N, C-alpha and C. Protein backbone atom coordinates (compact mmCIF):
# COMPACT_ATOMS: atom_id res chain seq x y z
N LEU A 1 -69.05 27.77 -11.87
CA LEU A 1 -69.95 27.07 -12.80
C LEU A 1 -69.20 26.02 -13.64
N LYS A 2 -67.99 26.45 -14.08
CA LYS A 2 -67.16 25.55 -14.89
C LYS A 2 -66.74 24.33 -14.06
N LYS A 3 -66.38 24.58 -12.81
CA LYS A 3 -65.96 23.52 -11.90
C LYS A 3 -67.11 22.53 -11.67
N LYS A 4 -68.30 23.08 -11.52
CA LYS A 4 -69.50 22.27 -11.29
C LYS A 4 -69.78 21.39 -12.52
N PHE A 5 -69.59 21.98 -13.73
CA PHE A 5 -69.79 21.24 -14.98
C PHE A 5 -68.84 20.06 -15.08
N HIS A 6 -67.55 20.31 -14.81
CA HIS A 6 -66.52 19.25 -14.89
C HIS A 6 -66.78 18.14 -13.86
N LYS A 7 -67.23 18.53 -12.69
CA LYS A 7 -67.52 17.54 -11.64
C LYS A 7 -68.68 16.65 -12.07
N ARG A 8 -69.70 17.24 -12.65
CA ARG A 8 -70.87 16.48 -13.11
C ARG A 8 -70.50 15.58 -14.27
N ARG A 9 -69.70 16.12 -15.22
CA ARG A 9 -69.25 15.33 -16.37
C ARG A 9 -68.45 14.14 -15.92
N ASN A 10 -67.54 14.33 -14.98
CA ASN A 10 -66.72 13.21 -14.48
C ASN A 10 -67.56 12.16 -13.78
N MET A 11 -68.61 12.62 -13.11
CA MET A 11 -69.52 11.68 -12.44
C MET A 11 -70.24 10.81 -13.48
N TYR A 12 -70.75 11.43 -14.54
CA TYR A 12 -71.43 10.69 -15.58
C TYR A 12 -70.49 9.69 -16.28
N LYS A 13 -69.26 10.15 -16.54
CA LYS A 13 -68.27 9.30 -17.21
C LYS A 13 -67.93 8.08 -16.34
N LYS A 14 -67.73 8.32 -15.06
CA LYS A 14 -67.40 7.25 -14.12
C LYS A 14 -68.56 6.23 -14.05
N PHE A 15 -69.77 6.75 -14.03
CA PHE A 15 -70.98 5.91 -13.97
C PHE A 15 -71.08 5.06 -15.23
N LEU A 16 -70.86 5.69 -16.39
CA LEU A 16 -70.91 4.99 -17.68
C LEU A 16 -69.84 3.90 -17.75
N ASN A 17 -68.63 4.23 -17.32
CA ASN A 17 -67.54 3.26 -17.31
C ASN A 17 -67.86 2.03 -16.46
N GLU A 18 -68.43 2.27 -15.31
CA GLU A 18 -68.80 1.15 -14.41
C GLU A 18 -69.82 0.23 -15.06
N ILE A 19 -70.80 0.83 -15.74
CA ILE A 19 -71.83 0.03 -16.43
C ILE A 19 -71.20 -0.74 -17.59
N LEU A 20 -70.37 -0.06 -18.37
CA LEU A 20 -69.77 -0.71 -19.53
C LEU A 20 -68.86 -1.88 -19.15
N LEU A 21 -68.22 -1.79 -17.99
CA LEU A 21 -67.29 -2.84 -17.58
C LEU A 21 -67.97 -3.90 -16.70
N SER A 22 -69.29 -3.77 -16.54
CA SER A 22 -70.03 -4.77 -15.77
C SER A 22 -70.21 -6.04 -16.60
N GLU A 23 -70.72 -7.10 -15.97
CA GLU A 23 -70.85 -8.40 -16.66
C GLU A 23 -71.83 -8.34 -17.82
N ILE A 24 -72.98 -7.68 -17.62
CA ILE A 24 -73.98 -7.53 -18.70
C ILE A 24 -74.34 -6.05 -18.81
N PRO A 25 -73.55 -5.29 -19.58
CA PRO A 25 -73.74 -3.83 -19.67
C PRO A 25 -75.13 -3.41 -20.15
N SER A 26 -75.75 -4.22 -20.99
CA SER A 26 -77.07 -3.85 -21.56
C SER A 26 -78.12 -3.60 -20.47
N VAL A 27 -78.00 -4.31 -19.35
CA VAL A 27 -78.95 -4.14 -18.24
C VAL A 27 -78.89 -2.70 -17.70
N GLY A 28 -77.68 -2.25 -17.43
CA GLY A 28 -77.50 -0.89 -16.93
C GLY A 28 -77.85 0.18 -17.95
N ILE A 29 -77.52 -0.09 -19.23
CA ILE A 29 -77.84 0.89 -20.29
C ILE A 29 -79.35 1.01 -20.46
N HIS A 30 -80.04 -0.12 -20.44
CA HIS A 30 -81.51 -0.10 -20.54
C HIS A 30 -82.10 0.72 -19.38
N LYS A 31 -81.53 0.54 -18.20
CA LYS A 31 -82.03 1.27 -17.02
C LYS A 31 -81.79 2.77 -17.19
N LEU A 32 -80.60 3.14 -17.64
CA LEU A 32 -80.29 4.55 -17.87
C LEU A 32 -81.23 5.19 -18.89
N MET A 33 -81.55 4.42 -19.92
CA MET A 33 -82.44 4.93 -20.97
C MET A 33 -83.88 4.99 -20.47
N GLY A 34 -84.25 4.01 -19.67
CA GLY A 34 -85.62 3.95 -19.14
C GLY A 34 -85.93 5.08 -18.20
N ASP A 35 -84.96 5.47 -17.36
CA ASP A 35 -85.23 6.56 -16.40
C ASP A 35 -84.81 7.94 -16.93
N GLY A 36 -84.34 7.96 -18.18
CA GLY A 36 -84.02 9.24 -18.82
C GLY A 36 -82.63 9.77 -18.54
N GLU A 37 -81.85 9.08 -17.69
CA GLU A 37 -80.50 9.55 -17.35
C GLU A 37 -79.53 9.51 -18.54
N MET A 38 -79.79 8.62 -19.50
CA MET A 38 -78.91 8.55 -20.66
C MET A 38 -78.92 9.85 -21.46
N ASN A 39 -80.03 10.61 -21.35
CA ASN A 39 -80.10 11.89 -22.05
C ASN A 39 -79.08 12.88 -21.54
N ASN A 40 -78.56 12.66 -20.33
CA ASN A 40 -77.50 13.51 -19.75
C ASN A 40 -76.11 13.02 -20.12
N ILE A 41 -76.03 11.81 -20.64
CA ILE A 41 -74.72 11.19 -20.91
C ILE A 41 -74.50 11.05 -22.42
N ILE A 42 -75.28 10.21 -23.08
CA ILE A 42 -75.20 10.06 -24.54
C ILE A 42 -76.63 10.10 -25.10
N PRO A 43 -77.18 11.29 -25.27
CA PRO A 43 -78.56 11.40 -25.76
C PRO A 43 -78.74 10.82 -27.16
N GLU A 44 -77.63 10.76 -27.95
CA GLU A 44 -77.69 10.25 -29.31
C GLU A 44 -78.19 8.79 -29.39
N LEU A 45 -78.02 8.05 -28.28
CA LEU A 45 -78.42 6.64 -28.27
C LEU A 45 -79.94 6.47 -28.42
N SER A 46 -80.69 7.46 -27.96
CA SER A 46 -82.16 7.34 -28.02
C SER A 46 -82.67 7.20 -29.44
N ARG A 47 -81.95 7.75 -30.42
CA ARG A 47 -82.37 7.67 -31.83
C ARG A 47 -82.29 6.24 -32.36
N LEU A 48 -81.48 5.40 -31.71
CA LEU A 48 -81.28 4.03 -32.20
C LEU A 48 -82.43 3.11 -31.81
N LYS A 49 -83.17 3.51 -30.75
CA LYS A 49 -84.24 2.66 -30.25
C LYS A 49 -85.39 2.59 -31.25
N GLY A 50 -85.75 1.36 -31.63
CA GLY A 50 -86.86 1.15 -32.55
C GLY A 50 -86.52 1.44 -34.00
N PHE A 51 -85.25 1.74 -34.32
CA PHE A 51 -84.86 2.05 -35.69
C PHE A 51 -84.71 0.75 -36.48
N ASP A 52 -85.69 0.45 -37.33
CA ASP A 52 -85.70 -0.78 -38.13
C ASP A 52 -84.67 -0.69 -39.25
N GLN A 53 -83.76 -1.64 -39.30
CA GLN A 53 -82.68 -1.59 -40.27
C GLN A 53 -83.08 -2.06 -41.67
N GLN A 54 -84.21 -2.76 -41.76
CA GLN A 54 -84.75 -3.20 -43.05
C GLN A 54 -83.72 -3.93 -43.90
N THR A 55 -83.01 -4.83 -43.27
CA THR A 55 -82.01 -5.63 -43.96
C THR A 55 -82.03 -7.07 -43.43
N PRO A 56 -81.82 -8.06 -44.29
CA PRO A 56 -81.81 -9.47 -43.84
C PRO A 56 -80.63 -9.82 -42.94
N TYR A 57 -79.62 -8.94 -42.91
CA TYR A 57 -78.44 -9.21 -42.09
C TYR A 57 -78.70 -8.91 -40.61
N HIS A 58 -79.79 -8.18 -40.34
CA HIS A 58 -80.09 -7.80 -38.97
C HIS A 58 -81.49 -8.22 -38.57
N ASP A 59 -81.63 -8.83 -37.41
CA ASP A 59 -82.94 -9.22 -36.89
C ASP A 59 -83.31 -8.37 -35.66
N LYS A 60 -82.54 -7.30 -35.42
CA LYS A 60 -82.77 -6.39 -34.28
C LYS A 60 -82.79 -4.95 -34.76
N ASP A 61 -83.41 -4.06 -33.98
CA ASP A 61 -83.26 -2.64 -34.30
C ASP A 61 -81.84 -2.22 -33.96
N VAL A 62 -81.48 -0.99 -34.31
CA VAL A 62 -80.08 -0.56 -34.14
C VAL A 62 -79.65 -0.60 -32.68
N LEU A 63 -80.53 -0.19 -31.77
CA LEU A 63 -80.17 -0.18 -30.35
C LEU A 63 -79.94 -1.61 -29.83
N GLU A 64 -80.86 -2.51 -30.12
CA GLU A 64 -80.73 -3.87 -29.62
C GLU A 64 -79.51 -4.58 -30.22
N HIS A 65 -79.22 -4.30 -31.48
CA HIS A 65 -77.99 -4.83 -32.09
C HIS A 65 -76.77 -4.28 -31.35
N THR A 66 -76.77 -2.96 -31.11
CA THR A 66 -75.66 -2.30 -30.41
C THR A 66 -75.43 -2.93 -29.04
N LEU A 67 -76.49 -3.14 -28.29
CA LEU A 67 -76.35 -3.70 -26.95
C LEU A 67 -75.92 -5.17 -26.98
N ALA A 68 -76.32 -5.90 -28.01
CA ALA A 68 -75.87 -7.29 -28.17
C ALA A 68 -74.37 -7.32 -28.40
N VAL A 69 -73.86 -6.35 -29.16
CA VAL A 69 -72.40 -6.26 -29.42
C VAL A 69 -71.66 -5.87 -28.14
N VAL A 70 -72.21 -4.92 -27.39
CA VAL A 70 -71.60 -4.49 -26.12
C VAL A 70 -71.50 -5.66 -25.14
N ASP A 71 -72.56 -6.46 -25.04
CA ASP A 71 -72.57 -7.61 -24.14
C ASP A 71 -71.62 -8.71 -24.61
N GLU A 72 -71.42 -8.80 -25.90
CA GLU A 72 -70.62 -9.88 -26.49
C GLU A 72 -69.11 -9.62 -26.42
N ILE A 73 -68.74 -8.34 -26.48
CA ILE A 73 -67.32 -8.00 -26.61
C ILE A 73 -66.58 -8.12 -25.27
N LYS A 74 -65.26 -8.28 -25.34
CA LYS A 74 -64.43 -8.41 -24.14
C LYS A 74 -64.57 -7.16 -23.26
N PRO A 75 -64.48 -7.32 -21.93
CA PRO A 75 -64.64 -6.19 -21.01
C PRO A 75 -63.42 -5.29 -20.89
N LYS A 76 -63.09 -4.62 -21.99
CA LYS A 76 -62.04 -3.59 -21.99
C LYS A 76 -62.75 -2.28 -22.33
N LEU A 77 -62.40 -1.21 -21.67
CA LEU A 77 -63.13 0.05 -21.84
C LEU A 77 -63.14 0.53 -23.30
N ASN A 78 -61.99 0.49 -23.97
CA ASN A 78 -61.97 0.96 -25.37
C ASN A 78 -62.88 0.12 -26.25
N LEU A 79 -62.91 -1.20 -26.01
CA LEU A 79 -63.76 -2.08 -26.81
C LEU A 79 -65.24 -1.88 -26.51
N ARG A 80 -65.57 -1.74 -25.24
CA ARG A 80 -66.97 -1.54 -24.87
C ARG A 80 -67.49 -0.19 -25.40
N LEU A 81 -66.66 0.83 -25.34
CA LEU A 81 -67.05 2.14 -25.88
C LEU A 81 -67.20 2.06 -27.40
N ALA A 82 -66.28 1.37 -28.06
CA ALA A 82 -66.37 1.21 -29.52
C ALA A 82 -67.64 0.45 -29.89
N ALA A 83 -67.96 -0.59 -29.13
CA ALA A 83 -69.17 -1.36 -29.37
C ALA A 83 -70.44 -0.50 -29.19
N LEU A 84 -70.43 0.29 -28.12
CA LEU A 84 -71.58 1.15 -27.83
C LEU A 84 -71.84 2.19 -28.90
N LEU A 85 -70.74 2.69 -29.51
CA LEU A 85 -70.87 3.81 -30.45
C LEU A 85 -70.65 3.43 -31.91
N HIS A 86 -70.42 2.15 -32.20
CA HIS A 86 -70.00 1.78 -33.55
C HIS A 86 -71.05 2.05 -34.63
N ASP A 87 -72.32 2.10 -34.26
CA ASP A 87 -73.39 2.39 -35.23
C ASP A 87 -74.19 3.64 -34.86
N ILE A 88 -73.59 4.54 -34.10
CA ILE A 88 -74.30 5.68 -33.54
C ILE A 88 -74.89 6.60 -34.63
N SER A 89 -74.27 6.62 -35.82
CA SER A 89 -74.76 7.51 -36.88
C SER A 89 -75.58 6.79 -37.95
N LYS A 90 -75.96 5.55 -37.69
CA LYS A 90 -76.75 4.83 -38.69
C LYS A 90 -78.03 5.58 -39.11
N PRO A 91 -78.79 6.17 -38.17
CA PRO A 91 -80.00 6.89 -38.59
C PRO A 91 -79.71 8.02 -39.59
N ASP A 92 -78.53 8.62 -39.50
CA ASP A 92 -78.17 9.72 -40.42
C ASP A 92 -77.82 9.22 -41.81
N CYS A 93 -77.45 7.96 -41.92
CA CYS A 93 -76.96 7.39 -43.19
C CYS A 93 -77.96 6.46 -43.87
N PHE A 94 -79.16 6.38 -43.31
CA PHE A 94 -80.16 5.40 -43.78
C PHE A 94 -80.77 5.77 -45.12
N THR A 95 -80.76 4.80 -46.06
CA THR A 95 -81.45 4.91 -47.34
C THR A 95 -82.12 3.58 -47.63
N VAL A 96 -83.15 3.59 -48.47
CA VAL A 96 -83.86 2.38 -48.84
C VAL A 96 -83.80 2.24 -50.36
N ASP A 97 -83.42 1.05 -50.86
CA ASP A 97 -83.33 0.85 -52.30
C ASP A 97 -84.70 0.46 -52.87
N GLU A 98 -84.73 0.22 -54.18
CA GLU A 98 -85.99 -0.06 -54.87
C GLU A 98 -86.64 -1.37 -54.41
N ARG A 99 -85.85 -2.23 -53.77
CA ARG A 99 -86.41 -3.50 -53.27
C ARG A 99 -86.89 -3.36 -51.83
N GLY A 100 -86.76 -2.15 -51.27
CA GLY A 100 -87.20 -1.92 -49.90
C GLY A 100 -86.17 -2.35 -48.86
N ARG A 101 -84.94 -2.55 -49.32
CA ARG A 101 -83.87 -2.98 -48.41
C ARG A 101 -83.08 -1.76 -47.90
N GLY A 102 -82.81 -1.73 -46.61
CA GLY A 102 -82.10 -0.62 -46.00
C GLY A 102 -80.61 -0.67 -46.21
N HIS A 103 -80.00 0.51 -46.36
CA HIS A 103 -78.55 0.64 -46.50
C HIS A 103 -78.08 1.78 -45.60
N PHE A 104 -76.80 1.67 -45.20
CA PHE A 104 -76.21 2.71 -44.32
C PHE A 104 -74.83 3.09 -44.85
N HIS A 105 -74.78 3.57 -46.07
CA HIS A 105 -73.52 3.89 -46.71
C HIS A 105 -72.72 4.92 -45.91
N GLY A 106 -71.47 4.58 -45.63
CA GLY A 106 -70.58 5.49 -44.91
C GLY A 106 -70.88 5.63 -43.43
N HIS A 107 -71.70 4.73 -42.87
CA HIS A 107 -72.08 4.89 -41.46
C HIS A 107 -70.89 4.73 -40.53
N HIS A 108 -69.90 3.92 -40.94
CA HIS A 108 -68.72 3.70 -40.10
C HIS A 108 -67.88 4.97 -39.99
N ILE A 109 -67.80 5.72 -41.08
CA ILE A 109 -67.05 6.98 -41.08
C ILE A 109 -67.78 8.03 -40.26
N SER A 110 -69.08 8.16 -40.51
CA SER A 110 -69.91 9.12 -39.78
C SER A 110 -69.96 8.81 -38.29
N SER A 111 -70.05 7.50 -37.96
CA SER A 111 -70.10 7.09 -36.56
C SER A 111 -68.78 7.38 -35.84
N ALA A 112 -67.67 7.26 -36.54
CA ALA A 112 -66.37 7.57 -35.95
C ALA A 112 -66.27 9.06 -35.60
N ILE A 113 -66.77 9.90 -36.52
CA ILE A 113 -66.77 11.36 -36.32
C ILE A 113 -67.66 11.74 -35.13
N THR A 114 -68.87 11.18 -35.12
CA THR A 114 -69.82 11.47 -34.03
C THR A 114 -69.28 10.96 -32.68
N SER A 115 -68.66 9.79 -32.70
CA SER A 115 -68.11 9.19 -31.48
C SER A 115 -67.02 10.07 -30.88
N GLU A 116 -66.19 10.64 -31.75
CA GLU A 116 -65.13 11.53 -31.26
C GLU A 116 -65.74 12.72 -30.52
N LYS A 117 -66.81 13.30 -31.09
CA LYS A 117 -67.49 14.43 -30.44
C LYS A 117 -68.07 14.04 -29.09
N ILE A 118 -68.69 12.86 -29.04
CA ILE A 118 -69.31 12.37 -27.79
C ILE A 118 -68.26 12.15 -26.72
N LEU A 119 -67.17 11.48 -27.10
CA LEU A 119 -66.12 11.15 -26.13
C LEU A 119 -65.40 12.40 -25.63
N ARG A 120 -65.22 13.38 -26.50
CA ARG A 120 -64.61 14.65 -26.08
C ARG A 120 -65.55 15.38 -25.12
N ARG A 121 -66.82 15.35 -25.43
CA ARG A 121 -67.82 15.99 -24.57
C ARG A 121 -67.83 15.40 -23.17
N LEU A 122 -67.59 14.08 -23.11
CA LEU A 122 -67.58 13.40 -21.82
C LEU A 122 -66.21 13.49 -21.11
N GLY A 123 -65.23 14.06 -21.77
CA GLY A 123 -63.95 14.29 -21.14
C GLY A 123 -62.98 13.10 -21.11
N TYR A 124 -63.12 12.18 -22.07
CA TYR A 124 -62.19 11.05 -22.14
C TYR A 124 -60.83 11.54 -22.66
N GLU A 125 -59.77 10.80 -22.30
CA GLU A 125 -58.42 11.20 -22.69
C GLU A 125 -58.20 10.91 -24.20
N GLU A 126 -57.26 11.68 -24.77
CA GLU A 126 -57.02 11.65 -26.21
C GLU A 126 -56.67 10.26 -26.73
N GLU A 127 -55.84 9.54 -26.00
CA GLU A 127 -55.41 8.21 -26.46
C GLU A 127 -56.59 7.25 -26.59
N LEU A 128 -57.48 7.29 -25.63
CA LEU A 128 -58.66 6.43 -25.66
C LEU A 128 -59.58 6.83 -26.80
N ILE A 129 -59.76 8.13 -26.99
CA ILE A 129 -60.60 8.62 -28.09
C ILE A 129 -60.07 8.15 -29.42
N LEU A 130 -58.76 8.25 -29.60
CA LEU A 130 -58.12 7.81 -30.85
C LEU A 130 -58.36 6.32 -31.07
N ASP A 131 -58.14 5.52 -30.04
CA ASP A 131 -58.37 4.07 -30.12
C ASP A 131 -59.79 3.75 -30.58
N VAL A 132 -60.74 4.34 -29.88
CA VAL A 132 -62.16 4.04 -30.14
C VAL A 132 -62.57 4.47 -31.54
N THR A 133 -62.18 5.67 -31.95
CA THR A 133 -62.61 6.17 -33.26
C THR A 133 -61.98 5.39 -34.41
N ILE A 134 -60.74 4.94 -34.24
CA ILE A 134 -60.11 4.14 -35.29
C ILE A 134 -60.79 2.78 -35.40
N LEU A 135 -61.11 2.16 -34.27
CA LEU A 135 -61.82 0.88 -34.29
C LEU A 135 -63.16 1.01 -34.99
N ILE A 136 -63.90 2.07 -34.70
CA ILE A 136 -65.19 2.29 -35.32
C ILE A 136 -65.04 2.56 -36.83
N ARG A 137 -64.08 3.39 -37.17
CA ARG A 137 -63.87 3.77 -38.57
C ARG A 137 -63.60 2.56 -39.48
N TYR A 138 -62.90 1.55 -38.95
CA TYR A 138 -62.49 0.42 -39.81
C TYR A 138 -63.20 -0.90 -39.48
N HIS A 139 -64.30 -0.85 -38.74
CA HIS A 139 -64.96 -2.11 -38.35
C HIS A 139 -65.88 -2.68 -39.41
N TYR A 140 -66.23 -1.89 -40.42
CA TYR A 140 -67.29 -2.26 -41.36
C TYR A 140 -66.89 -3.43 -42.24
N ILE A 141 -67.59 -4.54 -42.11
CA ILE A 141 -67.18 -5.79 -42.75
C ILE A 141 -67.23 -5.74 -44.26
N LYS A 142 -68.20 -5.02 -44.85
CA LYS A 142 -68.27 -4.94 -46.32
C LYS A 142 -67.04 -4.27 -46.88
N GLU A 143 -66.56 -3.25 -46.19
CA GLU A 143 -65.34 -2.56 -46.62
C GLU A 143 -64.14 -3.47 -46.46
N LEU A 144 -64.13 -4.29 -45.40
CA LEU A 144 -63.03 -5.20 -45.14
C LEU A 144 -62.96 -6.31 -46.17
N VAL A 145 -64.10 -6.76 -46.67
CA VAL A 145 -64.13 -7.76 -47.74
C VAL A 145 -63.43 -7.22 -48.96
N ASN A 146 -63.66 -5.92 -49.25
CA ASN A 146 -62.98 -5.28 -50.39
C ASN A 146 -61.48 -5.17 -50.15
N VAL A 147 -61.09 -4.93 -48.90
CA VAL A 147 -59.65 -4.87 -48.56
C VAL A 147 -58.99 -6.19 -48.88
N ILE A 148 -59.68 -7.29 -48.53
CA ILE A 148 -59.13 -8.62 -48.78
C ILE A 148 -59.06 -8.89 -50.29
N LYS A 149 -60.11 -8.56 -51.00
CA LYS A 149 -60.17 -8.78 -52.45
C LYS A 149 -59.09 -7.98 -53.18
N GLU A 150 -58.94 -6.73 -52.76
CA GLU A 150 -58.00 -5.85 -53.45
C GLU A 150 -56.58 -5.94 -52.91
N LYS A 151 -56.37 -6.82 -51.98
CA LYS A 151 -55.05 -6.98 -51.35
C LYS A 151 -54.60 -5.67 -50.73
N GLY A 152 -55.55 -4.96 -50.13
CA GLY A 152 -55.24 -3.66 -49.51
C GLY A 152 -54.82 -3.79 -48.07
N ILE A 153 -54.13 -4.90 -47.73
CA ILE A 153 -53.77 -5.18 -46.34
C ILE A 153 -52.78 -4.16 -45.77
N LYS A 154 -51.83 -3.74 -46.56
CA LYS A 154 -50.83 -2.76 -46.11
C LYS A 154 -51.52 -1.48 -45.65
N LYS A 155 -52.44 -0.99 -46.46
CA LYS A 155 -53.18 0.23 -46.15
C LYS A 155 -54.02 0.03 -44.88
N PHE A 156 -54.65 -1.13 -44.77
CA PHE A 156 -55.50 -1.43 -43.63
C PHE A 156 -54.69 -1.46 -42.33
N VAL A 157 -53.56 -2.18 -42.33
CA VAL A 157 -52.73 -2.32 -41.14
C VAL A 157 -52.16 -0.96 -40.72
N GLU A 158 -51.72 -0.18 -41.71
CA GLU A 158 -51.16 1.14 -41.40
C GLU A 158 -52.21 2.09 -40.85
N ALA A 159 -53.45 1.99 -41.34
CA ALA A 159 -54.54 2.86 -40.88
C ALA A 159 -54.98 2.49 -39.48
N VAL A 160 -55.10 1.20 -39.21
CA VAL A 160 -55.56 0.73 -37.90
C VAL A 160 -54.42 0.77 -36.87
N GLY A 161 -53.23 0.39 -37.30
CA GLY A 161 -52.09 0.28 -36.40
C GLY A 161 -51.95 -1.15 -35.94
N ALA A 162 -50.75 -1.71 -36.06
CA ALA A 162 -50.52 -3.13 -35.69
C ALA A 162 -50.92 -3.39 -34.25
N GLU A 163 -50.74 -2.39 -33.38
CA GLU A 163 -51.04 -2.55 -31.95
C GLU A 163 -52.55 -2.64 -31.66
N ARG A 164 -53.37 -2.26 -32.66
CA ARG A 164 -54.82 -2.28 -32.46
C ARG A 164 -55.50 -3.45 -33.18
N LEU A 165 -54.73 -4.26 -33.88
CA LEU A 165 -55.35 -5.30 -34.72
C LEU A 165 -56.16 -6.32 -33.91
N ASP A 166 -55.66 -6.75 -32.77
CA ASP A 166 -56.41 -7.72 -31.97
C ASP A 166 -57.75 -7.13 -31.52
N ASP A 167 -57.74 -5.88 -31.09
CA ASP A 167 -58.99 -5.22 -30.70
C ASP A 167 -59.92 -5.04 -31.90
N MET A 168 -59.33 -4.77 -33.06
CA MET A 168 -60.11 -4.61 -34.28
C MET A 168 -60.84 -5.90 -34.63
N PHE A 169 -60.13 -7.00 -34.58
CA PHE A 169 -60.74 -8.31 -34.86
C PHE A 169 -61.82 -8.65 -33.83
N GLU A 170 -61.59 -8.27 -32.59
CA GLU A 170 -62.57 -8.53 -31.54
C GLU A 170 -63.87 -7.73 -31.78
N LEU A 171 -63.75 -6.48 -32.20
CA LEU A 171 -64.94 -5.68 -32.50
C LEU A 171 -65.69 -6.24 -33.69
N ILE A 172 -64.97 -6.65 -34.72
CA ILE A 172 -65.61 -7.22 -35.91
C ILE A 172 -66.36 -8.51 -35.53
N ARG A 173 -65.71 -9.34 -34.71
CA ARG A 173 -66.31 -10.60 -34.28
C ARG A 173 -67.59 -10.37 -33.49
N ALA A 174 -67.51 -9.45 -32.53
CA ALA A 174 -68.68 -9.14 -31.69
C ALA A 174 -69.80 -8.53 -32.53
N ASP A 175 -69.45 -7.69 -33.48
CA ASP A 175 -70.43 -7.07 -34.39
C ASP A 175 -71.16 -8.15 -35.18
N MET A 176 -70.40 -9.11 -35.66
CA MET A 176 -71.01 -10.23 -36.40
C MET A 176 -71.91 -11.06 -35.53
N ALA A 177 -71.50 -11.28 -34.29
CA ALA A 177 -72.28 -12.09 -33.36
C ALA A 177 -73.64 -11.46 -33.06
N GLY A 178 -73.73 -10.16 -33.22
CA GLY A 178 -74.98 -9.45 -32.95
C GLY A 178 -75.90 -9.36 -34.14
N LYS A 179 -75.55 -10.03 -35.23
CA LYS A 179 -76.35 -9.99 -36.47
C LYS A 179 -77.12 -11.29 -36.68
N ALA A 180 -78.00 -11.26 -37.65
CA ALA A 180 -78.82 -12.43 -37.98
C ALA A 180 -77.99 -13.47 -38.74
N SER A 181 -77.00 -13.02 -39.48
CA SER A 181 -76.12 -13.95 -40.23
C SER A 181 -74.68 -13.57 -39.97
N THR A 182 -73.82 -14.58 -39.94
CA THR A 182 -72.40 -14.33 -39.64
C THR A 182 -71.49 -15.01 -40.66
N ASN A 183 -70.29 -14.47 -40.76
CA ASN A 183 -69.28 -15.06 -41.66
C ASN A 183 -67.91 -14.88 -41.00
N TYR A 184 -67.67 -15.68 -39.97
CA TYR A 184 -66.42 -15.54 -39.21
C TYR A 184 -65.18 -15.86 -40.04
N GLY A 185 -65.39 -16.57 -41.16
CA GLY A 185 -64.27 -16.91 -42.05
C GLY A 185 -63.58 -15.65 -42.58
N VAL A 186 -64.35 -14.59 -42.77
CA VAL A 186 -63.78 -13.32 -43.26
C VAL A 186 -62.77 -12.78 -42.25
N ILE A 187 -63.09 -12.88 -40.96
CA ILE A 187 -62.16 -12.40 -39.92
C ILE A 187 -60.88 -13.22 -39.94
N GLU A 188 -61.02 -14.55 -40.03
CA GLU A 188 -59.85 -15.41 -40.04
C GLU A 188 -58.97 -15.13 -41.24
N LYS A 189 -59.61 -14.89 -42.37
CA LYS A 189 -58.84 -14.59 -43.61
C LYS A 189 -58.10 -13.26 -43.45
N LEU A 190 -58.79 -12.27 -42.95
CA LEU A 190 -58.21 -10.95 -42.74
C LEU A 190 -57.06 -11.03 -41.73
N LYS A 191 -57.29 -11.76 -40.66
CA LYS A 191 -56.26 -11.94 -39.61
C LYS A 191 -55.02 -12.59 -40.19
N ASP A 192 -55.22 -13.64 -40.96
CA ASP A 192 -54.11 -14.39 -41.57
C ASP A 192 -53.31 -13.49 -42.52
N MET A 193 -54.02 -12.69 -43.31
CA MET A 193 -53.33 -11.80 -44.25
C MET A 193 -52.56 -10.71 -43.54
N CYS A 194 -53.13 -10.19 -42.45
CA CYS A 194 -52.42 -9.16 -41.65
C CYS A 194 -51.16 -9.73 -41.03
N GLU A 195 -51.27 -10.95 -40.48
CA GLU A 195 -50.11 -11.61 -39.87
C GLU A 195 -49.00 -11.84 -40.88
N LYS A 196 -49.37 -12.27 -42.08
CA LYS A 196 -48.37 -12.51 -43.13
C LYS A 196 -47.71 -11.23 -43.57
N TYR A 197 -48.52 -10.17 -43.66
CA TYR A 197 -47.96 -8.87 -44.04
C TYR A 197 -46.96 -8.40 -43.01
N LEU A 198 -47.31 -8.52 -41.71
CA LEU A 198 -46.43 -8.08 -40.62
C LEU A 198 -45.13 -8.90 -40.54
N GLU A 199 -45.26 -10.20 -40.84
CA GLU A 199 -44.08 -11.07 -40.87
C GLU A 199 -43.13 -10.65 -41.99
N ASN A 200 -43.68 -10.37 -43.14
CA ASN A 200 -42.87 -9.98 -44.28
C ASN A 200 -42.27 -8.58 -44.13
N ARG A 201 -42.95 -7.75 -43.35
CA ARG A 201 -42.48 -6.36 -43.14
C ARG A 201 -41.30 -6.33 -42.21
N SER A 202 -41.28 -7.27 -41.24
CA SER A 202 -40.20 -7.24 -40.24
C SER A 202 -38.91 -7.87 -40.74
């Protein structure tokens, strides 16, 4: 029974990887969700469908935003997985303020935790899980703006790891591209500050 479980899990993982590394992953993901197969792989994604974010920064529901990010990001498995799962816990973190505007406080932290559980369940290797969860944990642009303001670059670089910075910037860029409004200048500023910190450190 255990052998049968591992064989099936590996089949689902291989299938998911092929879709994620395809030219337009959203096509395959929509198909998996439409025929119910996604419930055997990442059932948590179904909660994102039709989830209205109630914010001017987003013109899509959580699922459509997620798929826009997946399609936008470079075709590397760690990046595509991070894109797919970066907002997986948004429904758990949703609140509405007195103006009727939606907020998702701490969704990046919660999504990183949930993503680790999902990736372990699917049998991904530890190094890939670590990569993906760190990218998700630190992708949130509002938190990054505070890092820049507070000159918290040292803490940011040490938490993400210098070897992951390029992937981190790519996830942030793709995340922005999937929104109604963008501010790519924040990425450039963050990138510049990280580079200066690394130069001074060496």
